[in-house]
Amino acid sequence: VFSCGVHMADFTAEAQDSPPDLRLSVYLTTDSV
């Protein structure tokens, strides 16, 4: 990601502009719960 010149700020802006297209999830294990 960083060697391709993609900056996290660019990714974040894109994600905010297209919320229906990009959805992120996390999986919390029993220890975390």
PDB file of all heavy atoms in Angstrom:
ATOM      1  N   VAL A   1       0.831  -1.200   0.000  1.00  0.00           N
ATOM      2  CA  VAL A   1       0.000   0.000   0.000  1.00  0.00           C
ATOM      3  C   VAL A   1       0.866   1.250   0.000  1.00  0.00           C
ATOM      4  O   VAL A   1       0.666   2.158  -0.789  1.00  0.00           O
ATOM      5  CB  VAL A   1      -0.957   0.013   1.222  1.00  0.00           C
ATOM      6  CG1 VAL A   1      -1.580   1.378   1.415  1.00  0.00           C
ATOM      7  CG2 VAL A   1      -2.025  -1.047   1.045  1.00  0.00           C
ATOM      8  N   PHE A   2       1.867   1.291   0.872  1.00  0.00           N
ATOM      9  CA  PHE A   2       2.699   2.486   0.950  1.00  0.00           C
ATOM     10  C   PHE A   2       3.651   2.609  -0.227  1.00  0.00           C
ATOM     11  O   PHE A   2       3.944   3.699  -0.674  1.00  0.00           O
ATOM     12  CB  PHE A   2       3.456   2.535   2.279  1.00  0.00           C
ATOM     13  CG  PHE A   2       2.548   2.887   3.423  1.00  0.00           C
ATOM     14  CD1 PHE A   2       2.194   1.936   4.366  1.00  0.00           C
ATOM     15  CD2 PHE A   2       2.004   4.153   3.528  1.00  0.00           C
ATOM     16  CE1 PHE A   2       1.337   2.244   5.402  1.00  0.00           C
ATOM     17  CE2 PHE A   2       1.142   4.466   4.558  1.00  0.00           C
ATOM     18  CZ  PHE A   2       0.801   3.513   5.497  1.00  0.00           C
ATOM     19  N   SER A   3       4.122   1.502  -0.791  1.00  0.00           N
ATOM     20  CA  SER A   3       5.038   1.585  -1.924  1.00  0.00           C
ATOM     21  C   SER A   3       4.307   1.999  -3.197  1.00  0.00           C
ATOM     22  O   SER A   3       4.909   2.517  -4.117  1.00  0.00           O
ATOM     23  CB  SER A   3       5.762   0.251  -2.142  1.00  0.00           C
ATOM     24  OG  SER A   3       4.856  -0.736  -2.566  1.00  0.00           O
ATOM     25  N   CYS A   4       3.002   1.776  -3.253  1.00  0.00           N
ATOM     26  CA  CYS A   4       2.223   2.185  -4.415  1.00  0.00           C
ATOM     27  C   CYS A   4       1.813   3.651  -4.324  1.00  0.00           C
ATOM     28  O   CYS A   4       1.134   4.163  -5.207  1.00  0.00           O
ATOM     29  CB  CYS A   4       0.976   1.323  -4.552  1.00  0.00           C
ATOM     30  SG  CYS A   4       1.337  -0.385  -4.980  1.00  0.00           S
ATOM     31  N   GLY A   5       2.197   4.303  -3.267  1.00  0.00           N
ATOM     32  CA  GLY A   5       1.887   5.722  -3.121  1.00  0.00           C
ATOM     33  C   GLY A   5       0.470   5.985  -2.625  1.00  0.00           C
ATOM     34  O   GLY A   5      -0.021   7.092  -2.720  1.00  0.00           O
ATOM     35  N   VAL A   6      -0.195   4.988  -2.123  1.00  0.00           N
ATOM     36  CA  VAL A   6      -1.540   5.179  -1.590  1.00  0.00           C
ATOM     37  C   VAL A   6      -1.405   5.637  -0.148  1.00  0.00           C
ATOM     38  O   VAL A   6      -0.741   5.001   0.648  1.00  0.00           O
ATOM     39  CB  VAL A   6      -2.345   3.857  -1.652  1.00  0.00           C
ATOM     40  CG1 VAL A   6      -3.704   4.051  -1.011  1.00  0.00           C
ATOM     41  CG2 VAL A   6      -2.474   3.398  -3.082  1.00  0.00           C
ATOM     42  N   HIS A   7      -2.009   6.747   0.159  1.00  0.00           N
ATOM     43  CA  HIS A   7      -1.945   7.283   1.514  1.00  0.00           C
ATOM     44  C   HIS A   7      -3.235   6.958   2.237  1.00  0.00           C
ATOM     45  O   HIS A   7      -4.311   6.941   1.650  1.00  0.00           O
ATOM     46  CB  HIS A   7      -1.735   8.800   1.483  1.00  0.00           C
ATOM     47  CG  HIS A   7      -0.466   9.184   0.790  1.00  0.00           C
ATOM     48  ND1 HIS A   7       0.765   8.995   1.349  1.00  0.00           N
ATOM     49  CD2 HIS A   7      -0.257   9.703  -0.441  1.00  0.00           C
ATOM     50  CE1 HIS A   7       1.687   9.400   0.508  1.00  0.00           C
ATOM     51  NE2 HIS A   7       1.101   9.830  -0.590  1.00  0.00           N
ATOM     52  N   MET A   8      -3.149   6.703   3.523  1.00  0.00           N
ATOM     53  CA  MET A   8      -4.325   6.344   4.301  1.00  0.00           C
ATOM     54  C   MET A   8      -5.385   7.441   4.227  1.00  0.00           C
ATOM     55  O   MET A   8      -6.563   7.159   4.177  1.00  0.00           O
ATOM     56  CB  MET A   8      -3.936   6.070   5.759  1.00  0.00           C
ATOM     57  CG  MET A   8      -5.043   5.420   6.539  1.00  0.00           C
ATOM     58  SD  MET A   8      -5.662   3.888   5.834  1.00  0.00           S
ATOM     59  CE  MET A   8      -4.389   2.751   6.296  1.00  0.00           C
ATOM     60  N   ALA A   9      -4.977   8.704   4.173  1.00  0.00           N
ATOM     61  CA  ALA A   9      -5.941   9.795   4.081  1.00  0.00           C
ATOM     62  C   ALA A   9      -6.753   9.683   2.794  1.00  0.00           C
ATOM     63  O   ALA A   9      -7.954   9.919   2.778  1.00  0.00           O
ATOM     64  CB  ALA A   9      -5.227  11.144   4.148  1.00  0.00           C
ATOM     65  N   ASP A  10      -6.092   9.285   1.694  1.00  0.00           N
ATOM     66  CA  ASP A  10      -6.804   9.119   0.420  1.00  0.00           C
ATOM     67  C   ASP A  10      -7.829   7.986   0.534  1.00  0.00           C
ATOM     68  O   ASP A  10      -8.943   8.085   0.034  1.00  0.00           O
ATOM     69  CB  ASP A  10      -5.831   8.796  -0.710  1.00  0.00           C
ATOM     70  CG  ASP A  10      -4.837   9.921  -0.959  1.00  0.00           C
ATOM     71  OD1 ASP A  10      -5.146  11.074  -0.609  1.00  0.00           O
ATOM     72  OD2 ASP A  10      -3.766   9.632  -1.495  1.00  0.00           O
ATOM     73  N   PHE A  11      -7.438   6.899   1.161  1.00  0.00           N
ATOM     74  CA  PHE A  11      -8.328   5.752   1.352  1.00  0.00           C
ATOM     75  C   PHE A  11      -9.522   6.143   2.215  1.00  0.00           C
ATOM     76  O   PHE A  11     -10.653   5.792   1.914  1.00  0.00           O
ATOM     77  CB  PHE A  11      -7.547   4.607   1.998  1.00  0.00           C
ATOM     78  CG  PHE A  11      -8.395   3.440   2.389  1.00  0.00           C
ATOM     79  CD1 PHE A  11      -8.856   2.551   1.444  1.00  0.00           C
ATOM     80  CD2 PHE A  11      -8.738   3.231   3.714  1.00  0.00           C
ATOM     81  CE1 PHE A  11      -9.640   1.481   1.792  1.00  0.00           C
ATOM     82  CE2 PHE A  11      -9.522   2.158   4.085  1.00  0.00           C
ATOM     83  CZ  PHE A  11      -9.984   1.274   3.111  1.00  0.00           C
ATOM     84  N   THR A  12      -9.266   6.881   3.270  1.00  0.00           N
ATOM     85  CA  THR A  12     -10.335   7.293   4.177  1.00  0.00           C
ATOM     86  C   THR A  12     -11.328   8.189   3.455  1.00  0.00           C
ATOM     87  O   THR A  12     -12.531   8.013   3.580  1.00  0.00           O
ATOM     88  CB  THR A  12      -9.748   8.014   5.399  1.00  0.00           C
ATOM     89  OG1 THR A  12      -8.858   7.118   6.062  1.00  0.00           O
ATOM     90  CG2 THR A  12     -10.834   8.446   6.358  1.00  0.00           C
ATOM     91  N   ALA A  13     -10.832   9.140   2.680  1.00  0.00           N
ATOM     92  CA  ALA A  13     -11.729  10.034   1.949  1.00  0.00           C
ATOM     93  C   ALA A  13     -12.585   9.246   0.964  1.00  0.00           C
ATOM     94  O   ALA A  13     -13.789   9.487   0.836  1.00  0.00           O
ATOM     95  CB  ALA A  13     -10.913  11.096   1.216  1.00  0.00           C
ATOM     96  N   GLU A  14     -11.988   8.291   0.292  1.00  0.00           N
ATOM     97  CA  GLU A  14     -12.734   7.466  -0.661  1.00  0.00           C
ATOM     98  C   GLU A  14     -13.802   6.634   0.057  1.00  0.00           C
ATOM     99  O   GLU A  14     -14.919   6.488  -0.422  1.00  0.00           O
ATOM    100  CB  GLU A  14     -11.781   6.547  -1.422  1.00  0.00           C
ATOM    101  CG  GLU A  14     -12.451   5.783  -2.532  1.00  0.00           C
ATOM    102  CD  GLU A  14     -11.468   4.996  -3.361  1.00  0.00           C
ATOM    103  OE1 GLU A  14     -10.345   5.462  -3.566  1.00  0.00           O
ATOM    104  OE2 GLU A  14     -11.851   3.892  -3.786  1.00  0.00           O
ATOM    105  N   ALA A  15     -13.438   6.092   1.214  1.00  0.00           N
ATOM    106  CA  ALA A  15     -14.390   5.287   1.981  1.00  0.00           C
ATOM    107  C   ALA A  15     -15.561   6.145   2.452  1.00  0.00           C
ATOM    108  O   ALA A  15     -16.704   5.708   2.428  1.00  0.00           O
ATOM    109  CB  ALA A  15     -13.693   4.641   3.176  1.00  0.00           C
ATOM    110  N   GLN A  16     -15.289   7.381   2.842  1.00  0.00           N
ATOM    111  CA  GLN A  16     -16.349   8.274   3.306  1.00  0.00           C
ATOM    112  C   GLN A  16     -17.269   8.675   2.161  1.00  0.00           C
ATOM    113  O   GLN A  16     -18.463   8.857   2.348  1.00  0.00           O
ATOM    114  CB  GLN A  16     -15.756   9.510   3.966  1.00  0.00           C
ATOM    115  CG  GLN A  16     -15.129   9.215   5.309  1.00  0.00           C
ATOM    116  CD  GLN A  16     -14.380  10.402   5.882  1.00  0.00           C
ATOM    117  OE1 GLN A  16     -13.869  11.236   5.149  1.00  0.00           O
ATOM    118  NE2 GLN A  16     -14.318  10.467   7.189  1.00  0.00           N
ATOM    119  N   ASP A  17     -16.703   8.834   0.961  1.00  0.00           N
ATOM    120  CA  ASP A  17     -17.501   9.245  -0.190  1.00  0.00           C
ATOM    121  C   ASP A  17     -18.378   8.114  -0.722  1.00  0.00           C
ATOM    122  O   ASP A  17     -19.358   8.374  -1.398  1.00  0.00           O
ATOM    123  CB  ASP A  17     -16.595   9.741  -1.323  1.00  0.00           C
ATOM    124  CG  ASP A  17     -15.911  11.056  -0.966  1.00  0.00           C
ATOM    125  OD1 ASP A  17     -16.404  11.751  -0.045  1.00  0.00           O
ATOM    126  OD2 ASP A  17     -14.892  11.373  -1.594  1.00  0.00           O
ATOM    127  N   SER A  18     -18.039   6.869  -0.443  1.00  0.00           N
ATOM    128  CA  SER A  18     -18.776   5.724  -0.982  1.00  0.00           C
ATOM    129  C   SER A  18     -19.151   4.726   0.107  1.00  0.00           C
ATOM    130  O   SER A  18     -18.792   3.558   0.007  1.00  0.00           O
ATOM    131  CB  SER A  18     -17.922   5.026  -2.041  1.00  0.00           C
ATOM    132  OG  SER A  18     -17.555   5.899  -3.058  1.00  0.00           O
ATOM    133  N   PRO A  19     -19.857   5.147   1.134  1.00  0.00           N
ATOM    134  CA  PRO A  19     -20.151   4.202   2.211  1.00  0.00           C
ATOM    135  C   PRO A  19     -20.881   2.938   1.776  1.00  0.00           C
ATOM    136  O   PRO A  19     -20.614   1.878   2.307  1.00  0.00           O
ATOM    137  CB  PRO A  19     -20.960   5.008   3.217  1.00  0.00           C
ATOM    138  CG  PRO A  19     -21.292   6.281   2.558  1.00  0.00           C
ATOM    139  CD  PRO A  19     -20.406   6.455   1.385  1.00  0.00           C
ATOM    140  N   PRO A  20     -21.812   2.977   0.776  1.00  0.00           N
ATOM    141  CA  PRO A  20     -22.463   1.722   0.412  1.00  0.00           C
ATOM    142  C   PRO A  20     -21.511   0.744  -0.300  1.00  0.00           C
ATOM    143  O   PRO A  20     -21.749  -0.442  -0.316  1.00  0.00           O
ATOM    144  CB  PRO A  20     -23.581   2.141  -0.538  1.00  0.00           C
ATOM    145  CG  PRO A  20     -23.741   3.606  -0.366  1.00  0.00           C
ATOM    146  CD  PRO A  20     -22.425   4.118   0.120  1.00  0.00           C
ATOM    147  N   ASP A  21     -20.442   1.266  -0.887  1.00  0.00           N
ATOM    148  CA  ASP A  21     -19.531   0.425  -1.659  1.00  0.00           C
ATOM    149  C   ASP A  21     -18.449  -0.221  -0.811  1.00  0.00           C
ATOM    150  O   ASP A  21     -17.915  -1.252  -1.186  1.00  0.00           O
ATOM    151  CB  ASP A  21     -18.847   1.247  -2.752  1.00  0.00           C
ATOM    152  CG  ASP A  21     -19.853   1.825  -3.736  1.00  0.00           C
ATOM    153  OD1 ASP A  21     -20.928   1.210  -3.905  1.00  0.00           O
ATOM    154  OD2 ASP A  21     -19.574   2.882  -4.314  1.00  0.00           O
ATOM    155  N   LEU A  22     -18.098   0.374   0.292  1.00  0.00           N
ATOM    156  CA  LEU A  22     -17.010  -0.138   1.106  1.00  0.00           C
ATOM    157  C   LEU A  22     -17.470  -0.243   2.554  1.00  0.00           C
ATOM    158  O   LEU A  22     -17.749   0.759   3.203  1.00  0.00           O
ATOM    159  CB  LEU A  22     -15.786   0.786   1.028  1.00  0.00           C
ATOM    160  CG  LEU A  22     -14.574   0.348   1.839  1.00  0.00           C
ATOM    161  CD1 LEU A  22     -14.058  -1.011   1.352  1.00  0.00           C
ATOM    162  CD2 LEU A  22     -13.479   1.383   1.757  1.00  0.00           C
ATOM    163  N   ARG A  23     -17.572  -1.467   3.030  1.00  0.00           N
ATOM    164  CA  ARG A  23     -17.965  -1.694   4.422  1.00  0.00           C
ATOM    165  C   ARG A  23     -16.902  -2.539   5.081  1.00  0.00           C
ATOM    166  O   ARG A  23     -16.498  -3.577   4.553  1.00  0.00           O
ATOM    167  CB  ARG A  23     -19.315  -2.394   4.475  1.00  0.00           C
ATOM    168  CG  ARG A  23     -20.380  -1.509   3.890  1.00  0.00           C
ATOM    169  CD  ARG A  23     -21.725  -1.831   4.428  1.00  0.00           C
ATOM    170  NE  ARG A  23     -22.629  -0.813   3.935  1.00  0.00           N
ATOM    171  CZ  ARG A  23     -23.746  -1.078   3.308  1.00  0.00           C
ATOM    172  NH1 ARG A  23     -24.123  -2.300   3.131  1.00  0.00           N
ATOM    173  NH2 ARG A  23     -24.504  -0.098   2.895  1.00  0.00           N
ATOM    174  N   LEU A  24     -16.456  -2.093   6.229  1.00  0.00           N
ATOM    175  CA  LEU A  24     -15.423  -2.807   6.958  1.00  0.00           C
ATOM    176  C   LEU A  24     -16.007  -3.400   8.234  1.00  0.00           C
ATOM    177  O   LEU A  24     -16.819  -2.772   8.903  1.00  0.00           O
ATOM    178  CB  LEU A  24     -14.275  -1.860   7.313  1.00  0.00           C
ATOM    179  CG  LEU A  24     -13.589  -1.182   6.125  1.00  0.00           C
ATOM    180  CD1 LEU A  24     -12.565  -0.177   6.613  1.00  0.00           C
ATOM    181  CD2 LEU A  24     -12.941  -2.211   5.219  1.00  0.00           C
ATOM    182  N   SER A  25     -15.588  -4.621   8.543  1.00  0.00           N
ATOM    183  CA  SER A  25     -16.045  -5.321   9.743  1.00  0.00           C
ATOM    184  C   SER A  25     -14.844  -5.841  10.497  1.00  0.00           C
ATOM    185  O   SER A  25     -13.777  -6.040   9.914  1.00  0.00           O
ATOM    186  CB  SER A  25     -16.933  -6.509   9.366  1.00  0.00           C
ATOM    187  OG  SER A  25     -18.045  -6.099   8.628  1.00  0.00           O
ATOM    188  N   VAL A  26     -15.023  -6.066  11.784  1.00  0.00           N
ATOM    189  CA  VAL A  26     -13.992  -6.720  12.589  1.00  0.00           C
ATOM    190  C   VAL A  26     -14.638  -7.872  13.340  1.00  0.00           C
ATOM    191  O   VAL A  26     -15.837  -7.859  13.627  1.00  0.00           O
ATOM    192  CB  VAL A  26     -13.291  -5.765  13.586  1.00  0.00           C
ATOM    193  CG1 VAL A  26     -12.523  -4.674  12.865  1.00  0.00           C
ATOM    194  CG2 VAL A  26     -14.273  -5.179  14.560  1.00  0.00           C
ATOM    195  N   TYR A  27     -13.818  -8.859  13.658  1.00  0.00           N
ATOM    196  CA  TYR A  27     -14.261 -10.045  14.381  1.00  0.00           C
ATOM    197  C   TYR A  27     -13.613 -10.018  15.752  1.00  0.00           C
ATOM    198  O   TYR A  27     -12.391 -10.012  15.859  1.00  0.00           O
ATOM    199  CB  TYR A  27     -13.837 -11.294  13.604  1.00  0.00           C
ATOM    200  CG  TYR A  27     -14.399 -12.579  14.145  1.00  0.00           C
ATOM    201  CD1 TYR A  27     -15.633 -13.038  13.722  1.00  0.00           C
ATOM    202  CD2 TYR A  27     -13.687 -13.342  15.063  1.00  0.00           C
ATOM    203  CE1 TYR A  27     -16.157 -14.229  14.204  1.00  0.00           C
ATOM    204  CE2 TYR A  27     -14.196 -14.528  15.559  1.00  0.00           C
ATOM    205  CZ  TYR A  27     -15.431 -14.969  15.121  1.00  0.00           C
ATOM    206  OH  TYR A  27     -15.941 -16.144  15.598  1.00  0.00           O
ATOM    207  N   LEU A  28     -14.424  -9.963  16.793  1.00  0.00           N
ATOM    208  CA  LEU A  28     -13.912  -9.919  18.159  1.00  0.00           C
ATOM    209  C   LEU A  28     -14.029 -11.311  18.777  1.00  0.00           C
ATOM    210  O   LEU A  28     -15.117 -11.883  18.841  1.00  0.00           O
ATOM    211  CB  LEU A  28     -14.699  -8.908  18.992  1.00  0.00           C
ATOM    212  CG  LEU A  28     -14.673  -7.468  18.465  1.00  0.00           C
ATOM    213  CD1 LEU A  28     -15.613  -6.597  19.258  1.00  0.00           C
ATOM    214  CD2 LEU A  28     -13.274  -6.918  18.485  1.00  0.00           C
ATOM    215  N   THR A  29     -12.912 -11.854  19.211  1.00  0.00           N
ATOM    216  CA  THR A  29     -12.880 -13.199  19.781  1.00  0.00           C
ATOM    217  C   THR A  29     -13.533 -13.221  21.160  1.00  0.00           C
ATOM    218  O   THR A  29     -13.775 -12.182  21.773  1.00  0.00           O
ATOM    219  CB  THR A  29     -11.433 -13.704  19.902  1.00  0.00           C
ATOM    220  OG1 THR A  29     -10.734 -12.852  20.808  1.00  0.00           O
ATOM    221  CG2 THR A  29     -10.736 -13.734  18.548  1.00  0.00           C
ATOM    222  N   THR A  30     -13.782 -14.432  21.664  1.00  0.00           N
ATOM    223  CA  THR A  30     -14.412 -14.558  22.986  1.00  0.00           C
ATOM    224  C   THR A  30     -13.600 -13.843  24.057  1.00  0.00           C
ATOM    225  O   THR A  30     -14.186 -13.230  24.955  1.00  0.00           O
ATOM    226  CB  THR A  30     -14.600 -16.033  23.382  1.00  0.00           C
ATOM    227  OG1 THR A  30     -13.344 -16.708  23.337  1.00  0.00           O
ATOM    228  CG2 THR A  30     -15.605 -16.730  22.487  1.00  0.00           C
ATOM    229  N   ASP A  31     -12.276 -13.903  23.966  1.00  0.00           N
ATOM    230  CA  ASP A  31     -11.443 -13.191  24.949  1.00  0.00           C
ATOM    231  C   ASP A  31     -11.758 -11.701  24.950  1.00  0.00           C
ATOM    232  O   ASP A  31     -11.893 -11.072  26.000  1.00  0.00           O
ATOM    233  CB  ASP A  31      -9.956 -13.402  24.671  1.00  0.00           C
ATOM    234  CG  ASP A  31      -9.474 -14.794  25.018  1.00  0.00           C
ATOM    235  OD1 ASP A  31     -10.162 -15.489  25.808  1.00  0.00           O
ATOM    236  OD2 ASP A  31      -8.409 -15.183  24.513  1.00  0.00           O
ATOM    237  N   SER A  32     -11.876 -11.118  23.760  1.00  0.00           N
ATOM    238  CA  SER A  32     -12.179  -9.689  23.652  1.00  0.00           C
ATOM    239  C   SER A  32     -13.581  -9.382  24.164  1.00  0.00           C
ATOM    240  O   SER A  32     -13.795  -8.375  24.845  1.00  0.00           O
ATOM    241  CB  SER A  32     -12.059  -9.229  22.200  1.00  0.00           C
ATOM    242  OG  SER A  32     -10.740  -9.361  21.745  1.00  0.00           O
ATOM    243  N   VAL A  33     -14.534 -10.242  23.846  1.00  0.00           N
ATOM    244  CA  VAL A  33     -15.914 -10.022  24.290  1.00  0.00           C
ATOM    245  C   VAL A  33     -15.992 -10.089  25.814  1.00  0.00           C
ATOM    246  O   VAL A  33     -16.621  -9.237  26.453  1.00  0.00           O
ATOM    247  CB  VAL A  33     -16.882 -11.025  23.628  1.00  0.00           C
ATOM    248  CG1 VAL A  33     -18.298 -10.839  24.172  1.00  0.00           C
ATOM    249  CG2 VAL A  33     -16.874 -10.852  22.108  1.00  0.00           C
TER     250      VAL A  33
END
